[in-house]
């Protein structure tokens, strides 16, 4: 309910009402949101107040608008805990979701100076360059660019990277991936990401860079992943 005597702004109270409706299942992804006038009449507030609440929820990705059709409930974001070292396939499997990939590039290239330094190999060392769109339930979630020294994981093929590289490396090659360093930053989708992730121009993406190492300390891979910000969020537990 709306409390007009509360110091909390009315538009913020309406935001919370709509959020609760989404979280409690009153609204399902893809449902059209009731018109502004419905909320205005129900809570005896101005349509401008309702419009502010809805605009804020669109900006927060709880809702999305389609011109000429209305405002709709967005798909909930997938949440990934940054504490563990897992693959995309493992993350989706833990949620009971089907993970899949579309390969846009699979090649072996000579390491340039930057790749050689990051992977701790000599220049011109053969490196797998793999570019995959990662999907959950057939929805594009991330564009992943992976670089692995070819001598570490022989026999890698396009067919094998359609699933989990980690699973193949550990179960078939006997490698033990022990640790990784990750960075995370926000940016705007470039032309390639707009096309492959099926997002609009100017859409935000979360850019994650990971360097993984084997238990013997050798660098296993460099991964640069662009996650759709409207579909994904990251979470980490902190203790003091």
Protein backbone atom coordinates (compact mmCIF):
# COMPACT_ATOMS: atom_id res chain seq x y z
CA UNK A 1 0.00 0.00 0.00
CA UNK A 2 1.00 3.64 -0.45
CA UNK A 3 1.55 5.79 2.66
CA UNK A 4 1.18 9.44 1.71
CA UNK A 5 2.32 10.55 5.17
CA UNK A 6 5.64 8.74 4.77
CA UNK A 7 8.83 10.71 4.03
CA UNK A 8 9.57 8.12 1.32
CA UNK A 9 8.70 9.63 -2.09
CA UNK A 10 5.49 8.30 -3.61
CA UNK A 11 7.16 7.26 -6.84
CA UNK A 12 9.63 5.16 -4.84
CA UNK A 13 6.79 3.47 -2.97
CA UNK A 14 5.13 2.60 -6.27
CA UNK A 15 8.43 1.19 -7.54
CA UNK A 16 8.52 -1.12 -4.52
CA UNK A 17 4.91 -2.23 -5.10
CA UNK A 18 5.72 -3.19 -8.69
CA UNK A 19 8.98 -4.90 -7.68
CA UNK A 20 7.15 -6.97 -5.09
CA UNK A 21 4.58 -7.95 -7.70
CA UNK A 22 7.40 -9.18 -9.95
CA UNK A 23 9.26 -10.99 -7.17
CA UNK A 24 6.09 -12.67 -5.84
CA UNK A 25 5.06 -13.90 -9.28
CA UNK A 26 2.06 -11.62 -9.79
CA UNK A 27 3.74 -10.49 -13.01
CA UNK A 28 5.61 -12.92 -15.28
CA UNK A 29 8.40 -12.10 -17.77
CA UNK A 30 6.81 -10.82 -20.96
CA UNK A 31 3.58 -9.68 -19.26
CA UNK A 32 2.41 -6.20 -20.13
CA UNK A 33 2.38 -3.80 -17.17
CA UNK A 34 -0.96 -2.13 -16.37
CA UNK A 35 -1.33 1.37 -17.82
CA UNK A 36 -0.13 4.42 -15.83
CA UNK A 37 -3.72 5.53 -15.23
CA UNK A 38 -4.50 2.22 -13.48
CA UNK A 39 -1.85 2.87 -10.83
CA UNK A 40 -2.73 6.58 -10.67
CA UNK A 41 -6.38 5.78 -9.95
CA UNK A 42 -5.60 2.91 -7.57
CA UNK A 43 -3.22 4.94 -5.38
CA UNK A 44 -4.72 8.39 -5.98
CA UNK A 45 -1.50 9.89 -7.30
CA UNK A 46 -0.61 11.79 -10.45
CA UNK A 47 0.30 9.98 -13.64
CA UNK A 48 3.60 11.89 -13.55
CA UNK A 49 4.42 10.15 -10.25
CA UNK A 50 3.61 6.76 -11.75
CA UNK A 51 5.62 7.59 -14.86
CA UNK A 52 8.67 8.40 -12.72
CA UNK A 53 8.37 5.06 -10.91
CA UNK A 54 8.08 3.13 -14.18
CA UNK A 55 10.97 5.01 -15.79
CA UNK A 56 13.19 4.16 -12.84
CA UNK A 57 12.27 0.48 -13.13
CA UNK A 58 13.03 0.55 -16.87
CA UNK A 59 16.45 2.04 -16.07
CA UNK A 60 17.01 -0.70 -13.50
CA UNK A 61 16.02 -3.35 -16.11
CA UNK A 62 13.00 -4.65 -14.22
CA UNK A 63 10.85 -3.43 -17.13
CA UNK A 64 11.30 -2.64 -20.80
CA UNK A 65 9.30 -0.57 -23.26
CA UNK A 66 8.22 -1.31 -26.83
CA UNK A 67 7.12 1.79 -28.68
CA UNK A 68 3.43 1.68 -29.52
CA UNK A 69 2.81 -1.49 -27.51
CA UNK A 70 3.47 -0.70 -23.86
CA UNK A 71 5.74 -1.57 -20.94
CA UNK A 72 6.62 -5.19 -20.23
CA UNK A 73 8.12 -7.27 -17.43
CA UNK A 74 11.77 -8.10 -18.16
CA UNK A 75 13.40 -11.48 -17.74
CA UNK A 76 15.10 -11.77 -14.32
CA UNK A 77 18.88 -11.42 -14.33
CA UNK A 78 21.04 -14.46 -13.78
CA UNK A 79 23.21 -14.08 -10.69
CA UNK A 80 26.75 -15.42 -10.60
CA UNK A 81 28.74 -15.66 -7.39
CA UNK A 82 32.31 -14.51 -7.98
CA UNK A 83 33.73 -16.61 -5.16
CA UNK A 84 34.15 -19.86 -7.08
CA UNK A 85 36.07 -20.76 -10.24
CA UNK A 86 33.46 -22.34 -12.52
CA UNK A 87 32.72 -22.46 -16.21
CA UNK A 88 29.63 -20.99 -17.89
CA UNK A 89 28.33 -24.51 -18.53
CA UNK A 90 28.72 -25.40 -14.84
CA UNK A 91 26.97 -22.17 -13.79
CA UNK A 92 23.97 -22.88 -16.01
CA UNK A 93 23.81 -26.55 -15.01
CA UNK A 94 23.68 -25.54 -11.33
CA UNK A 95 20.58 -23.46 -12.17
CA UNK A 96 18.93 -26.28 -14.07
CA UNK A 97 19.35 -24.40 -17.34
CA UNK A 98 20.61 -25.71 -20.66
CA UNK A 99 23.87 -24.09 -21.76
CA UNK A 100 24.97 -24.03 -25.37
CA UNK A 101 27.43 -22.20 -27.60
CA UNK A 102 27.70 -20.72 -31.05
CA UNK A 103 31.23 -20.53 -32.42
CA UNK A 104 32.11 -17.44 -34.40
CA UNK A 105 35.86 -18.15 -34.54
CA UNK A 106 38.14 -21.14 -33.92
CA UNK A 107 41.76 -20.82 -34.98
CA UNK A 108 45.39 -21.37 -33.98
CA UNK A 109 47.45 -18.19 -34.12
CA UNK A 110 51.05 -17.27 -33.23
CA UNK A 111 51.24 -15.43 -29.91
CA UNK A 112 51.92 -11.72 -30.32
CA UNK A 113 53.85 -9.83 -27.64
CA UNK A 114 50.75 -9.06 -25.54
CA UNK A 115 49.43 -12.65 -25.57
CA UNK A 116 52.90 -14.06 -24.93
CA UNK A 117 53.31 -11.88 -21.85
CA UNK A 118 49.84 -12.64 -20.48
CA UNK A 119 50.13 -16.40 -21.07
CA UNK A 120 53.81 -16.51 -20.05
CA UNK A 121 54.94 -18.17 -23.27
CA UNK A 122 57.43 -17.28 -26.01
CA UNK A 123 56.36 -15.05 -28.87
CA UNK A 124 54.95 -16.94 -31.85
CA UNK A 125 53.92 -19.89 -29.64
CA UNK A 126 50.79 -21.50 -31.20
CA UNK A 127 47.69 -20.28 -29.35
CA UNK A 128 44.06 -21.36 -29.65
CA UNK A 129 41.87 -18.34 -30.35
CA UNK A 130 38.23 -19.23 -29.64
CA UNK A 131 35.27 -16.90 -29.86
CA UNK A 132 31.92 -18.23 -28.61
CA UNK A 133 28.49 -16.81 -27.94
CA UNK A 134 27.33 -18.46 -24.72
CA UNK A 135 23.59 -19.13 -24.48
CA UNK A 136 21.24 -20.16 -21.68
CA UNK A 137 17.97 -21.72 -22.86
CA UNK A 138 18.87 -20.45 -26.36
CA UNK A 139 19.16 -16.82 -25.16
CA UNK A 140 22.53 -15.09 -25.84
CA UNK A 141 24.13 -14.22 -22.49
CA UNK A 142 27.78 -13.54 -23.20
CA UNK A 143 30.40 -13.22 -25.91
CA UNK A 144 33.50 -15.11 -24.78
CA UNK A 145 36.99 -14.77 -26.29
CA UNK A 146 39.42 -17.46 -25.07
CA UNK A 147 43.18 -17.85 -25.62
CA UNK A 148 44.94 -21.11 -24.60
CA UNK A 149 48.46 -22.35 -25.46
CA UNK A 150 47.91 -25.14 -28.01
CA UNK A 151 50.49 -27.44 -26.40
CA UNK A 152 48.48 -27.55 -23.16
CA UNK A 153 45.29 -29.01 -24.56
CA UNK A 154 45.97 -30.97 -27.73
CA UNK A 155 43.10 -32.23 -29.80
CA UNK A 156 40.79 -29.32 -29.04
CA UNK A 157 38.24 -28.93 -31.82
CA UNK A 158 35.22 -26.83 -32.74
CA UNK A 159 32.98 -29.73 -31.74
CA UNK A 160 34.57 -29.96 -28.28
CA UNK A 161 34.38 -26.24 -27.53
CA UNK A 162 30.65 -26.28 -28.18
CA UNK A 163 30.39 -27.49 -24.57
CA UNK A 164 32.77 -26.96 -21.64
CA UNK A 165 36.50 -26.46 -22.28
CA UNK A 166 37.13 -26.92 -18.54
CA UNK A 167 35.44 -30.31 -18.56
CA UNK A 168 37.51 -31.48 -21.53
CA UNK A 169 40.75 -30.14 -20.03
CA UNK A 170 40.19 -31.80 -16.66
CA UNK A 171 38.47 -35.07 -17.61
CA UNK A 172 40.15 -35.84 -20.94
CA UNK A 173 43.53 -34.11 -20.63
CA UNK A 174 44.09 -34.66 -16.91
CA UNK A 175 44.73 -30.97 -16.18
CA UNK A 176 43.84 -29.35 -12.86
CA UNK A 177 42.63 -25.76 -13.10
CA UNK A 178 43.31 -24.35 -9.65
CA UNK A 179 42.95 -20.56 -9.53
CA UNK A 180 42.16 -17.43 -11.48
CA UNK A 181 42.38 -13.66 -11.32
CA UNK A 182 39.37 -11.71 -12.57
CA UNK A 183 38.56 -8.08 -13.24
CA UNK A 184 35.09 -6.71 -13.93
CA UNK A 185 34.11 -3.40 -15.50
CA UNK A 186 31.12 -1.80 -17.17
CA UNK A 187 31.23 -0.66 -20.78
CA UNK A 188 29.02 -0.13 -23.85
CA UNK A 189 28.42 -2.86 -26.43
CA UNK A 190 30.54 -2.53 -29.58
CA UNK A 191 29.33 -3.44 -33.07
CA UNK A 192 30.28 -7.10 -32.75
CA UNK A 193 28.58 -7.45 -29.36
CA UNK A 194 25.44 -5.70 -30.60
CA UNK A 195 25.17 -8.24 -33.42
CA UNK A 196 26.09 -11.44 -31.58
CA UNK A 197 24.39 -10.68 -28.25
CA UNK A 198 21.29 -9.25 -29.97
CA UNK A 199 21.28 -6.01 -27.98
CA UNK A 200 20.53 -2.43 -28.97
CA UNK A 201 23.11 0.20 -29.81
CA UNK A 202 24.30 1.81 -26.60
CA UNK A 203 23.37 -1.22 -24.48
CA UNK A 204 25.55 -1.76 -21.39
CA UNK A 205 27.68 -4.87 -21.05
CA UNK A 206 29.77 -6.23 -18.18
CA UNK A 207 33.31 -6.97 -19.33
CA UNK A 208 35.06 -9.68 -17.32
CA UNK A 209 38.69 -10.60 -17.86
CA UNK A 210 39.98 -13.85 -16.36
CA UNK A 211 43.47 -15.35 -16.23
CA UNK A 212 43.35 -18.98 -15.05
CA UNK A 213 46.26 -21.08 -13.82
CA UNK A 214 46.93 -24.78 -13.38
CA UNK A 215 47.97 -26.27 -10.05
CA UNK A 216 51.62 -26.21 -11.17
CA UNK A 217 51.38 -22.42 -11.60
CA UNK A 218 51.33 -22.44 -15.40
CA UNK A 219 48.91 -20.02 -17.04
CA UNK A 220 46.13 -22.03 -18.71
CA UNK A 221 44.00 -19.39 -20.40
CA UNK A 222 43.00 -15.80 -20.85
CA UNK A 223 39.27 -15.20 -21.23
CA UNK A 224 37.58 -11.92 -22.09
CA UNK A 225 33.80 -12.17 -21.68
CA UNK A 226 31.17 -9.54 -22.45
CA UNK A 227 27.98 -10.26 -20.49
CA UNK A 228 24.62 -8.68 -21.27
CA UNK A 229 23.94 -6.29 -18.38
CA UNK A 230 20.19 -6.76 -18.83
CA UNK A 231 20.52 -10.52 -18.32
CA UNK A 232 23.38 -10.94 -15.88
CA UNK A 233 24.58 -9.66 -12.52
CA UNK A 234 27.51 -10.64 -10.34
CA UNK A 235 27.49 -11.16 -6.59
CA UNK A 236 30.23 -11.56 -4.01
CA UNK A 237 30.04 -12.17 -0.26
CA UNK A 238 32.21 -9.94 1.90
CA UNK A 239 33.18 -10.38 5.52
CA UNK A 240 34.73 -7.94 7.96
